[in-house]
């Protein structure tokens, strides 16, 4: 089997993580989750090797120099996120297709590197106002961080047309059906 790549990108709070978890639960799709690397401390109950590979800033920069990343980005100052090439290979070697819960820049980078093997889906929030409400409900970040994410969302929304498909997550049940149908068609023909 030639492994394929499923990218879900969206502004923070759009519901992409919920949709990724839903897709992972659909065993017939044979998906494996690509764990991203991050140069930040774990938040809440996040676990190294499950939620992210937490690296120090120095470790992250060393891996950039060694070209260990498929894609990486400095999302905020000294806050790096990326996909290790070894992570994608690990999943392909286990007979799975790779699914990514990733920011828009990283998602588009993967699509550019593997244009024929990637389905890139943009998950759109119903509105910026709804996005802010969702981020506040999480209670994981300061007001300043939330405002930073909301400001970034406008830029991210402008990239939506570059993706293969756009799903507006205003109704979770409907969004799950839509994303499942898109992924199933791409993977299984």
N, C-alpha and C. Protein backbone atom coordinates (compact mmCIF):
# COMPACT_ATOMS: atom_id res chain seq x y z
N UNK A 1 0.84 -1.20 0.00
CA UNK A 1 0.00 0.00 0.00
C UNK A 1 0.87 1.24 0.00
N UNK A 2 0.57 2.18 -0.87
CA UNK A 2 1.26 3.46 -0.84
C UNK A 2 0.49 4.36 0.11
N UNK A 3 1.15 4.77 1.19
CA UNK A 3 0.48 5.60 2.18
C UNK A 3 0.08 6.94 1.64
N UNK A 4 -1.08 7.38 2.08
CA UNK A 4 -1.57 8.70 1.70
C UNK A 4 -1.56 9.61 2.92
N UNK A 5 -1.81 10.90 2.68
CA UNK A 5 -1.76 11.91 3.73
C UNK A 5 -3.07 12.68 3.76
N UNK A 6 -3.65 12.80 4.93
CA UNK A 6 -4.87 13.57 5.12
C UNK A 6 -4.53 14.73 6.04
N UNK A 7 -4.69 15.94 5.52
CA UNK A 7 -4.36 17.14 6.28
C UNK A 7 -5.66 17.84 6.68
N UNK A 8 -5.82 18.11 7.97
CA UNK A 8 -6.90 18.97 8.44
C UNK A 8 -6.26 20.20 9.06
N UNK A 9 -6.54 21.35 8.47
CA UNK A 9 -6.00 22.61 8.96
C UNK A 9 -7.14 23.58 9.22
N UNK A 10 -6.88 24.50 10.15
CA UNK A 10 -7.93 25.44 10.52
C UNK A 10 -7.38 26.42 11.53
N UNK A 11 -8.06 27.54 11.70
CA UNK A 11 -7.71 28.40 12.83
C UNK A 11 -8.01 27.65 14.13
N UNK A 12 -7.27 27.97 15.16
CA UNK A 12 -7.48 27.37 16.48
C UNK A 12 -8.93 27.58 16.92
N UNK A 13 -9.58 26.50 17.37
CA UNK A 13 -10.97 26.62 17.84
C UNK A 13 -12.02 26.29 16.79
N UNK A 14 -11.58 25.89 15.58
CA UNK A 14 -12.53 25.57 14.51
C UNK A 14 -13.15 24.19 14.64
N UNK A 15 -12.53 23.33 15.45
CA UNK A 15 -13.05 21.98 15.62
C UNK A 15 -12.29 20.92 14.86
N UNK A 16 -11.10 21.26 14.34
CA UNK A 16 -10.35 20.27 13.56
C UNK A 16 -9.92 19.08 14.40
N UNK A 17 -9.55 19.31 15.65
CA UNK A 17 -9.11 18.20 16.51
C UNK A 17 -10.25 17.22 16.75
N UNK A 18 -11.45 17.73 16.95
CA UNK A 18 -12.64 16.88 17.13
C UNK A 18 -12.87 16.03 15.88
N UNK A 19 -12.73 16.64 14.71
CA UNK A 19 -12.93 15.91 13.45
C UNK A 19 -11.83 14.88 13.22
N UNK A 20 -10.60 15.21 13.58
CA UNK A 20 -9.49 14.25 13.44
C UNK A 20 -9.74 13.04 14.33
N UNK A 21 -10.15 13.28 15.57
CA UNK A 21 -10.43 12.16 16.50
C UNK A 21 -11.56 11.28 15.96
N UNK A 22 -12.57 11.91 15.38
CA UNK A 22 -13.68 11.16 14.77
C UNK A 22 -13.16 10.27 13.64
N UNK A 23 -12.35 10.82 12.75
CA UNK A 23 -11.82 10.05 11.62
C UNK A 23 -10.93 8.91 12.10
N UNK A 24 -10.12 9.16 13.11
CA UNK A 24 -9.25 8.10 13.65
C UNK A 24 -10.05 6.92 14.19
N UNK A 25 -11.25 7.18 14.67
CA UNK A 25 -12.11 6.12 15.22
C UNK A 25 -12.75 5.25 14.13
N UNK A 26 -12.68 5.69 12.87
CA UNK A 26 -13.25 4.93 11.75
C UNK A 26 -12.18 3.96 11.24
N UNK A 27 -12.17 2.76 11.80
CA UNK A 27 -11.08 1.80 11.54
C UNK A 27 -10.88 1.45 10.07
N UNK A 28 -11.97 1.42 9.29
CA UNK A 28 -11.84 1.05 7.87
C UNK A 28 -10.98 2.04 7.08
N UNK A 29 -10.77 3.23 7.62
CA UNK A 29 -9.94 4.23 6.93
C UNK A 29 -8.44 3.97 7.14
N UNK A 30 -8.09 3.16 8.13
CA UNK A 30 -6.68 2.81 8.42
C UNK A 30 -5.81 4.07 8.57
N UNK A 31 -6.24 4.95 9.48
CA UNK A 31 -5.51 6.20 9.70
C UNK A 31 -4.64 6.12 10.94
N UNK A 32 -3.48 6.75 10.87
CA UNK A 32 -2.61 6.90 12.02
C UNK A 32 -2.34 8.38 12.22
N UNK A 33 -2.34 8.82 13.47
CA UNK A 33 -2.18 10.24 13.78
C UNK A 33 -0.72 10.66 13.78
N UNK A 34 -0.41 11.68 13.02
CA UNK A 34 0.94 12.24 13.01
C UNK A 34 1.10 13.15 14.21
N UNK A 35 1.98 12.74 15.11
CA UNK A 35 2.24 13.54 16.30
C UNK A 35 3.24 14.62 15.93
N UNK A 36 2.86 15.87 16.11
CA UNK A 36 3.73 16.99 15.78
C UNK A 36 4.77 17.20 16.88
N UNK A 37 5.86 17.83 16.50
CA UNK A 37 6.86 18.27 17.47
C UNK A 37 6.56 19.72 17.82
N UNK A 38 6.84 20.11 19.06
CA UNK A 38 6.59 21.48 19.51
C UNK A 38 7.71 21.93 20.45
N UNK A 39 8.07 23.19 20.34
CA UNK A 39 9.12 23.73 21.22
C UNK A 39 8.49 24.47 22.40
N UNK A 40 7.46 23.91 22.95
CA UNK A 40 6.80 24.53 24.10
C UNK A 40 6.58 23.49 25.18
N UNK A 41 6.21 23.98 26.34
CA UNK A 41 5.91 23.09 27.45
C UNK A 41 4.52 22.48 27.25
N UNK A 42 4.30 21.27 27.79
CA UNK A 42 2.95 20.68 27.70
C UNK A 42 1.91 21.57 28.41
N UNK A 43 0.69 21.59 27.85
CA UNK A 43 -0.44 22.32 28.45
C UNK A 43 -1.38 21.32 29.07
N UNK A 44 -1.85 21.59 30.24
CA UNK A 44 -2.85 20.73 30.88
C UNK A 44 -2.35 19.30 31.01
N UNK A 45 -3.13 18.37 30.46
CA UNK A 45 -2.81 16.94 30.58
C UNK A 45 -2.07 16.39 29.36
N UNK A 46 -1.49 17.25 28.54
CA UNK A 46 -0.79 16.79 27.34
C UNK A 46 0.40 15.90 27.72
N UNK A 47 0.62 14.87 26.88
CA UNK A 47 1.65 13.87 27.16
C UNK A 47 2.65 13.82 26.00
N UNK A 48 3.95 13.81 26.36
CA UNK A 48 5.01 13.69 25.36
C UNK A 48 4.88 12.35 24.64
N UNK A 49 4.93 12.38 23.31
CA UNK A 49 4.84 11.15 22.53
C UNK A 49 3.41 10.73 22.22
N UNK A 50 2.44 11.42 22.80
CA UNK A 50 1.03 11.12 22.52
C UNK A 50 0.36 12.35 21.89
N UNK A 51 0.47 13.48 22.55
CA UNK A 51 -0.12 14.72 22.04
C UNK A 51 0.88 15.46 21.14
N UNK A 52 2.11 15.56 21.59
CA UNK A 52 3.21 16.20 20.86
C UNK A 52 4.51 15.52 21.27
N UNK A 53 5.54 15.74 20.46
CA UNK A 53 6.90 15.47 20.89
C UNK A 53 7.40 16.82 21.38
N UNK A 54 7.51 16.97 22.69
CA UNK A 54 7.93 18.25 23.27
C UNK A 54 9.45 18.32 23.25
N UNK A 55 9.98 19.29 22.52
CA UNK A 55 11.42 19.48 22.38
C UNK A 55 11.81 20.83 22.95
N UNK A 56 13.03 20.92 23.43
CA UNK A 56 13.52 22.24 23.85
C UNK A 56 13.75 23.06 22.58
N UNK A 57 13.86 24.36 22.75
CA UNK A 57 14.12 25.24 21.60
C UNK A 57 15.41 24.80 20.89
N UNK A 58 16.43 24.47 21.66
CA UNK A 58 17.72 24.03 21.09
C UNK A 58 17.54 22.72 20.31
N UNK A 59 16.84 21.73 20.89
CA UNK A 59 16.60 20.45 20.20
C UNK A 59 15.86 20.69 18.89
N UNK A 60 14.86 21.57 18.93
CA UNK A 60 14.06 21.84 17.73
C UNK A 60 14.96 22.43 16.64
N UNK A 61 15.75 23.44 17.01
CA UNK A 61 16.63 24.10 16.03
C UNK A 61 17.68 23.14 15.48
N UNK A 62 18.16 22.21 16.32
CA UNK A 62 19.13 21.21 15.86
C UNK A 62 18.49 20.30 14.81
N UNK A 63 17.22 19.92 15.04
CA UNK A 63 16.52 19.05 14.09
C UNK A 63 16.23 19.79 12.77
N UNK A 64 16.00 21.10 12.85
CA UNK A 64 15.83 21.90 11.62
C UNK A 64 17.13 21.84 10.81
N UNK A 65 18.27 22.08 11.50
CA UNK A 65 19.57 22.06 10.81
C UNK A 65 19.85 20.69 10.19
N UNK A 66 19.44 19.63 10.88
CA UNK A 66 19.67 18.28 10.39
C UNK A 66 18.66 17.85 9.31
N UNK A 67 17.72 18.75 8.99
CA UNK A 67 16.67 18.50 7.99
C UNK A 67 15.82 17.29 8.35
N UNK A 68 15.51 17.18 9.65
CA UNK A 68 14.68 16.08 10.15
C UNK A 68 13.18 16.34 9.98
N UNK A 69 12.82 17.56 9.59
CA UNK A 69 11.41 17.91 9.48
C UNK A 69 10.91 17.86 8.05
N UNK A 70 9.68 17.34 7.89
CA UNK A 70 8.98 17.40 6.61
C UNK A 70 8.54 18.86 6.41
N UNK A 71 8.03 19.45 7.49
CA UNK A 71 7.66 20.86 7.48
C UNK A 71 7.81 21.36 8.91
N UNK A 72 8.06 22.65 9.05
CA UNK A 72 8.11 23.28 10.37
C UNK A 72 7.81 24.76 10.21
N UNK A 73 7.44 25.37 11.31
CA UNK A 73 7.11 26.79 11.28
C UNK A 73 7.31 27.41 12.66
N UNK A 74 7.77 28.64 12.66
CA UNK A 74 7.82 29.41 13.90
C UNK A 74 6.48 30.13 13.97
N UNK A 75 5.54 29.55 14.71
CA UNK A 75 4.17 30.04 14.74
C UNK A 75 4.08 31.38 15.46
N UNK A 76 4.73 31.45 16.60
CA UNK A 76 4.89 32.71 17.35
C UNK A 76 6.37 32.76 17.69
N UNK A 77 6.86 33.91 18.17
CA UNK A 77 8.29 34.04 18.45
C UNK A 77 8.78 32.92 19.38
N UNK A 78 9.82 32.20 18.92
CA UNK A 78 10.42 31.07 19.66
C UNK A 78 9.42 29.96 19.99
N UNK A 79 8.33 29.89 19.24
CA UNK A 79 7.34 28.84 19.42
C UNK A 79 7.23 28.08 18.09
N UNK A 80 7.97 26.96 18.02
CA UNK A 80 8.06 26.19 16.78
C UNK A 80 7.18 24.95 16.84
N UNK A 81 6.61 24.61 15.69
CA UNK A 81 5.85 23.37 15.52
C UNK A 81 6.32 22.75 14.22
N UNK A 82 6.31 21.42 14.14
CA UNK A 82 6.71 20.78 12.90
C UNK A 82 6.38 19.31 12.87
N UNK A 83 6.54 18.73 11.68
CA UNK A 83 6.30 17.31 11.46
C UNK A 83 7.62 16.63 11.15
N UNK A 84 7.99 15.68 11.99
CA UNK A 84 9.23 14.93 11.78
C UNK A 84 9.03 13.93 10.63
N UNK A 85 9.99 13.87 9.72
CA UNK A 85 9.93 12.90 8.62
C UNK A 85 9.80 11.48 9.17
N UNK A 86 10.49 11.21 10.28
CA UNK A 86 10.46 9.87 10.88
C UNK A 86 9.07 9.49 11.38
N UNK A 87 8.26 10.49 11.75
CA UNK A 87 6.90 10.23 12.23
C UNK A 87 6.02 9.73 11.08
N UNK A 88 6.11 10.38 9.93
CA UNK A 88 5.33 9.97 8.75
C UNK A 88 5.76 8.57 8.32
N UNK A 89 7.07 8.32 8.29
CA UNK A 89 7.58 7.02 7.89
C UNK A 89 7.13 5.93 8.85
N UNK A 90 7.13 6.24 10.16
CA UNK A 90 6.69 5.28 11.18
C UNK A 90 5.26 4.81 10.89
N UNK A 91 4.38 5.74 10.55
CA UNK A 91 2.98 5.41 10.28
C UNK A 91 2.83 4.64 8.97
N UNK A 92 3.53 5.08 7.94
CA UNK A 92 3.48 4.35 6.66
C UNK A 92 3.99 2.93 6.84
N UNK A 93 5.09 2.78 7.60
CA UNK A 93 5.66 1.44 7.84
C UNK A 93 4.68 0.53 8.58
N UNK A 94 3.78 1.13 9.36
CA UNK A 94 2.80 0.33 10.11
C UNK A 94 1.54 0.03 9.27
N UNK A 95 1.57 0.44 7.98
CA UNK A 95 0.45 0.15 7.07
C UNK A 95 -0.71 1.13 7.19
N UNK A 96 -0.45 2.31 7.71
CA UNK A 96 -1.52 3.29 7.87
C UNK A 96 -1.32 4.49 6.95
N UNK A 97 -2.44 5.15 6.68
CA UNK A 97 -2.39 6.47 6.05
C UNK A 97 -2.19 7.47 7.19
N UNK A 98 -1.60 8.62 6.88
CA UNK A 98 -1.26 9.58 7.93
C UNK A 98 -2.29 10.71 7.95
N UNK A 99 -2.79 11.02 9.16
CA UNK A 99 -3.70 12.16 9.31
C UNK A 99 -3.01 13.21 10.17
N UNK A 100 -3.14 14.46 9.74
CA UNK A 100 -2.49 15.59 10.42
C UNK A 100 -3.54 16.56 10.96
N UNK A 101 -3.32 17.03 12.17
CA UNK A 101 -4.07 18.13 12.78
C UNK A 101 -3.02 19.24 12.86
N UNK A 102 -3.05 20.13 11.88
CA UNK A 102 -1.88 21.00 11.67
C UNK A 102 -2.30 22.39 11.23
N UNK A 103 -1.44 23.38 11.46
CA UNK A 103 -1.79 24.75 11.06
C UNK A 103 -1.78 24.87 9.54
N UNK A 104 -2.32 25.97 9.04
CA UNK A 104 -2.52 26.11 7.59
C UNK A 104 -1.21 26.14 6.80
N UNK A 105 -0.18 26.77 7.34
CA UNK A 105 1.10 26.84 6.63
C UNK A 105 1.69 25.44 6.49
N UNK A 106 1.70 24.68 7.59
CA UNK A 106 2.21 23.32 7.55
C UNK A 106 1.39 22.42 6.64
N UNK A 107 0.08 22.59 6.69
CA UNK A 107 -0.81 21.80 5.84
C UNK A 107 -0.54 22.03 4.37
N UNK A 108 -0.37 23.28 3.99
CA UNK A 108 -0.10 23.60 2.59
C UNK A 108 1.30 23.15 2.18
N UNK A 109 2.26 23.18 3.11
CA UNK A 109 3.61 22.68 2.83
C UNK A 109 3.57 21.19 2.49
N UNK A 110 2.82 20.42 3.28
CA UNK A 110 2.71 18.97 3.03
C UNK A 110 2.06 18.72 1.67
N UNK A 111 1.02 19.48 1.36
CA UNK A 111 0.33 19.35 0.06
C UNK A 111 1.31 19.65 -1.09
N UNK A 112 2.17 20.64 -0.88
CA UNK A 112 3.15 21.02 -1.91
C UNK A 112 4.20 19.91 -2.10
N UNK A 113 4.63 19.28 -1.00
CA UNK A 113 5.66 18.24 -1.05
C UNK A 113 5.10 16.93 -1.65
N UNK A 114 3.87 16.58 -1.28
CA UNK A 114 3.22 15.35 -1.76
C UNK A 114 1.88 15.69 -2.43
N UNK A 115 1.90 16.39 -3.56
CA UNK A 115 0.65 16.87 -4.14
C UNK A 115 -0.37 15.78 -4.48
N UNK A 116 0.09 14.63 -4.97
CA UNK A 116 -0.84 13.58 -5.40
C UNK A 116 -1.25 12.63 -4.28
N UNK A 117 -0.50 12.64 -3.19
CA UNK A 117 -0.78 11.72 -2.08
C UNK A 117 -1.51 12.40 -0.93
N UNK A 118 -1.81 13.70 -1.08
CA UNK A 118 -2.38 14.47 0.02
C UNK A 118 -3.78 14.99 -0.30
N UNK A 119 -4.68 14.83 0.67
CA UNK A 119 -5.98 15.50 0.64
C UNK A 119 -5.93 16.55 1.74
N UNK A 120 -5.97 17.81 1.35
CA UNK A 120 -5.88 18.91 2.30
C UNK A 120 -7.28 19.52 2.51
N UNK A 121 -7.75 19.44 3.75
CA UNK A 121 -9.10 19.94 4.09
C UNK A 121 -8.97 21.11 5.06
N UNK A 122 -9.65 22.18 4.71
CA UNK A 122 -9.68 23.36 5.59
C UNK A 122 -10.99 23.34 6.38
N UNK A 123 -10.88 23.42 7.70
CA UNK A 123 -12.06 23.43 8.56
C UNK A 123 -12.30 24.88 8.98
N UNK A 124 -13.46 25.38 8.56
CA UNK A 124 -13.78 26.79 8.76
C UNK A 124 -14.76 26.95 9.93
N UNK A 125 -14.49 27.90 10.82
CA UNK A 125 -15.47 28.17 11.88
C UNK A 125 -16.66 28.91 11.28
N UNK A 126 -17.83 28.87 11.94
CA UNK A 126 -18.99 29.59 11.42
C UNK A 126 -18.72 31.09 11.31
N UNK A 127 -17.93 31.63 12.26
CA UNK A 127 -17.59 33.06 12.25
C UNK A 127 -16.42 33.30 13.21
N UNK A 128 -15.81 34.47 13.09
CA UNK A 128 -14.72 34.84 14.00
C UNK A 128 -15.27 34.97 15.43
N UNK A 129 -16.49 35.49 15.56
CA UNK A 129 -17.11 35.66 16.89
C UNK A 129 -17.27 34.30 17.57
N UNK A 130 -17.76 33.31 16.81
CA UNK A 130 -17.94 31.96 17.34
C UNK A 130 -16.59 31.35 17.73
N UNK A 131 -15.58 31.63 16.93
CA UNK A 131 -14.23 31.15 17.21
C UNK A 131 -13.76 31.67 18.58
N UNK A 132 -13.97 32.94 18.81
CA UNK A 132 -13.54 33.54 20.09
C UNK A 132 -14.28 32.90 21.26
N UNK A 133 -15.57 32.64 21.10
CA UNK A 133 -16.37 31.99 22.15
C UNK A 133 -15.81 30.61 22.44
N UNK A 134 -15.51 29.84 21.39
CA UNK A 134 -14.97 28.48 21.56
C UNK A 134 -13.62 28.51 22.28
N UNK A 135 -12.76 29.45 21.90
CA UNK A 135 -11.44 29.54 22.54
C UNK A 135 -11.57 29.90 24.02
N UNK A 136 -12.50 30.79 24.33
CA UNK A 136 -12.72 31.17 25.74
C UNK A 136 -13.24 29.99 26.56
N UNK A 137 -14.12 29.19 25.95
CA UNK A 137 -14.70 28.02 26.65
C UNK A 137 -13.64 27.00 27.03
N UNK A 138 -12.57 26.92 26.25
CA UNK A 138 -11.50 25.96 26.54
C UNK A 138 -10.85 26.22 27.90
N UNK A 139 -10.75 27.51 28.26
CA UNK A 139 -10.10 27.94 29.51
C UNK A 139 -8.67 27.42 29.63
N UNK A 140 -7.94 27.41 28.50
CA UNK A 140 -6.54 26.94 28.54
C UNK A 140 -5.56 28.08 28.30
N UNK A 141 -6.05 29.24 27.88
CA UNK A 141 -5.14 30.32 27.52
C UNK A 141 -5.61 31.67 28.03
N UNK A 142 -4.66 32.59 28.15
CA UNK A 142 -4.94 33.95 28.61
C UNK A 142 -5.73 34.71 27.54
N UNK A 143 -6.33 35.81 27.95
CA UNK A 143 -7.08 36.68 27.03
C UNK A 143 -6.16 37.16 25.90
N UNK A 144 -4.91 37.49 26.24
CA UNK A 144 -3.95 37.94 25.23
C UNK A 144 -3.70 36.87 24.17
N UNK A 145 -3.50 35.63 24.62
CA UNK A 145 -3.27 34.50 23.69
C UNK A 145 -4.49 34.29 22.80
N UNK A 146 -5.67 34.37 23.41
CA UNK A 146 -6.91 34.21 22.63
C UNK A 146 -7.00 35.30 21.56
N UNK A 147 -6.72 36.53 21.94
CA UNK A 147 -6.76 37.64 20.97
C UNK A 147 -5.73 37.45 19.86
N UNK A 148 -4.55 36.91 20.21
CA UNK A 148 -3.52 36.61 19.21
C UNK A 148 -4.04 35.58 18.21
N UNK A 149 -4.68 34.52 18.74
CA UNK A 149 -5.21 33.45 17.88
C UNK A 149 -6.34 33.96 16.98
N UNK A 150 -7.19 34.81 17.52
CA UNK A 150 -8.30 35.37 16.74
C UNK A 150 -7.75 36.27 15.63
N UNK A 151 -6.75 37.07 15.95
CA UNK A 151 -6.14 37.94 14.93
C UNK A 151 -5.51 37.10 13.82
N UNK A 152 -4.85 36.02 14.20
CA UNK A 152 -4.21 35.12 13.23
C UNK A 152 -5.26 34.40 12.35
N UNK A 153 -6.44 34.17 12.91
CA UNK A 153 -7.49 33.43 12.20
C UNK A 153 -7.89 34.11 10.89
N UNK A 154 -7.93 35.43 10.87
CA UNK A 154 -8.30 36.15 9.64
C UNK A 154 -7.34 35.83 8.51
N UNK A 155 -6.05 35.82 8.82
CA UNK A 155 -5.02 35.49 7.83
C UNK A 155 -5.19 34.05 7.37
N UNK A 156 -5.43 33.15 8.36
CA UNK A 156 -5.58 31.73 8.03
C UNK A 156 -6.80 31.50 7.14
N UNK A 157 -7.90 32.18 7.43
CA UNK A 157 -9.12 32.02 6.63
C UNK A 157 -8.88 32.38 5.17
N UNK A 158 -7.99 33.32 4.94
CA UNK A 158 -7.69 33.75 3.57
C UNK A 158 -7.01 32.63 2.75
N UNK A 159 -6.42 31.63 3.43
CA UNK A 159 -5.74 30.54 2.72
C UNK A 159 -6.70 29.42 2.32
N UNK A 160 -7.92 29.44 2.83
CA UNK A 160 -8.88 28.35 2.59
C UNK A 160 -8.99 27.92 1.12
N UNK A 161 -9.05 28.86 0.16
CA UNK A 161 -9.19 28.44 -1.24
C UNK A 161 -8.02 27.60 -1.78
N UNK A 162 -6.88 27.60 -1.09
CA UNK A 162 -5.72 26.82 -1.54
C UNK A 162 -5.84 25.34 -1.17
N UNK A 163 -6.83 24.99 -0.36
CA UNK A 163 -7.04 23.61 0.07
C UNK A 163 -7.92 22.87 -0.93
N UNK A 164 -7.88 21.54 -0.86
CA UNK A 164 -8.69 20.71 -1.77
C UNK A 164 -10.18 20.80 -1.45
N UNK A 165 -10.50 21.00 -0.18
CA UNK A 165 -11.90 21.06 0.25
C UNK A 165 -12.01 21.97 1.47
N UNK A 166 -13.19 22.58 1.62
CA UNK A 166 -13.47 23.44 2.78
C UNK A 166 -14.73 22.90 3.44
N UNK A 167 -14.64 22.69 4.75
CA UNK A 167 -15.81 22.27 5.53
C UNK A 167 -16.09 23.35 6.55
N UNK A 168 -17.30 23.87 6.57
CA UNK A 168 -17.70 24.84 7.59
C UNK A 168 -18.27 24.06 8.76
N UNK A 169 -17.63 24.21 9.91
CA UNK A 169 -18.05 23.47 11.10
C UNK A 169 -19.03 24.30 11.93
N UNK A 170 -20.25 24.41 11.40
CA UNK A 170 -21.31 25.11 12.14
C UNK A 170 -22.29 24.10 12.74
N UNK A 171 -22.19 22.84 12.29
CA UNK A 171 -23.02 21.75 12.78
C UNK A 171 -22.11 20.53 12.81
N UNK A 172 -21.72 20.10 14.01
CA UNK A 172 -20.71 19.05 14.14
C UNK A 172 -21.12 17.74 13.47
N UNK A 173 -22.37 17.35 13.59
CA UNK A 173 -22.83 16.10 12.98
C UNK A 173 -22.65 16.17 11.46
N UNK A 174 -23.07 17.28 10.89
CA UNK A 174 -22.94 17.48 9.44
C UNK A 174 -21.45 17.51 9.03
N UNK A 175 -20.64 18.19 9.81
CA UNK A 175 -19.20 18.29 9.50
C UNK A 175 -18.55 16.91 9.54
N UNK A 176 -18.94 16.07 10.49
CA UNK A 176 -18.39 14.70 10.59
C UNK A 176 -18.75 13.89 9.35
N UNK A 177 -19.99 13.98 8.90
CA UNK A 177 -20.43 13.25 7.71
C UNK A 177 -19.64 13.73 6.49
N UNK A 178 -19.52 15.05 6.35
CA UNK A 178 -18.80 15.63 5.21
C UNK A 178 -17.34 15.19 5.16
N UNK A 179 -16.67 15.31 6.31
CA UNK A 179 -15.24 14.99 6.34
C UNK A 179 -15.03 13.49 6.10
N UNK A 180 -15.89 12.66 6.65
CA UNK A 180 -15.78 11.21 6.44
C UNK A 180 -15.92 10.87 4.96
N UNK A 181 -16.93 11.45 4.30
CA UNK A 181 -17.15 11.16 2.88
C UNK A 181 -15.96 11.60 2.02
N UNK A 182 -15.42 12.77 2.31
CA UNK A 182 -14.25 13.26 1.55
C UNK A 182 -13.05 12.33 1.71
N UNK A 183 -12.77 11.95 2.95
CA UNK A 183 -11.60 11.12 3.24
C UNK A 183 -11.79 9.71 2.67
N UNK A 184 -12.97 9.14 2.86
CA UNK A 184 -13.24 7.79 2.35
C UNK A 184 -13.06 7.75 0.83
N UNK A 185 -13.60 8.73 0.13
CA UNK A 185 -13.49 8.79 -1.32
C UNK A 185 -12.02 8.90 -1.76
N UNK A 186 -11.25 9.72 -1.05
CA UNK A 186 -9.84 9.91 -1.39
C UNK A 186 -9.01 8.64 -1.14
N UNK A 187 -9.27 7.97 -0.02
CA UNK A 187 -8.47 6.80 0.35
C UNK A 187 -8.90 5.53 -0.36
N UNK A 188 -10.21 5.35 -0.48
CA UNK A 188 -10.73 4.08 -0.98
C UNK A 188 -11.30 4.16 -2.39
N UNK A 189 -11.25 5.35 -2.97
CA UNK A 189 -11.73 5.53 -4.34
C UNK A 189 -13.16 5.63 -4.39
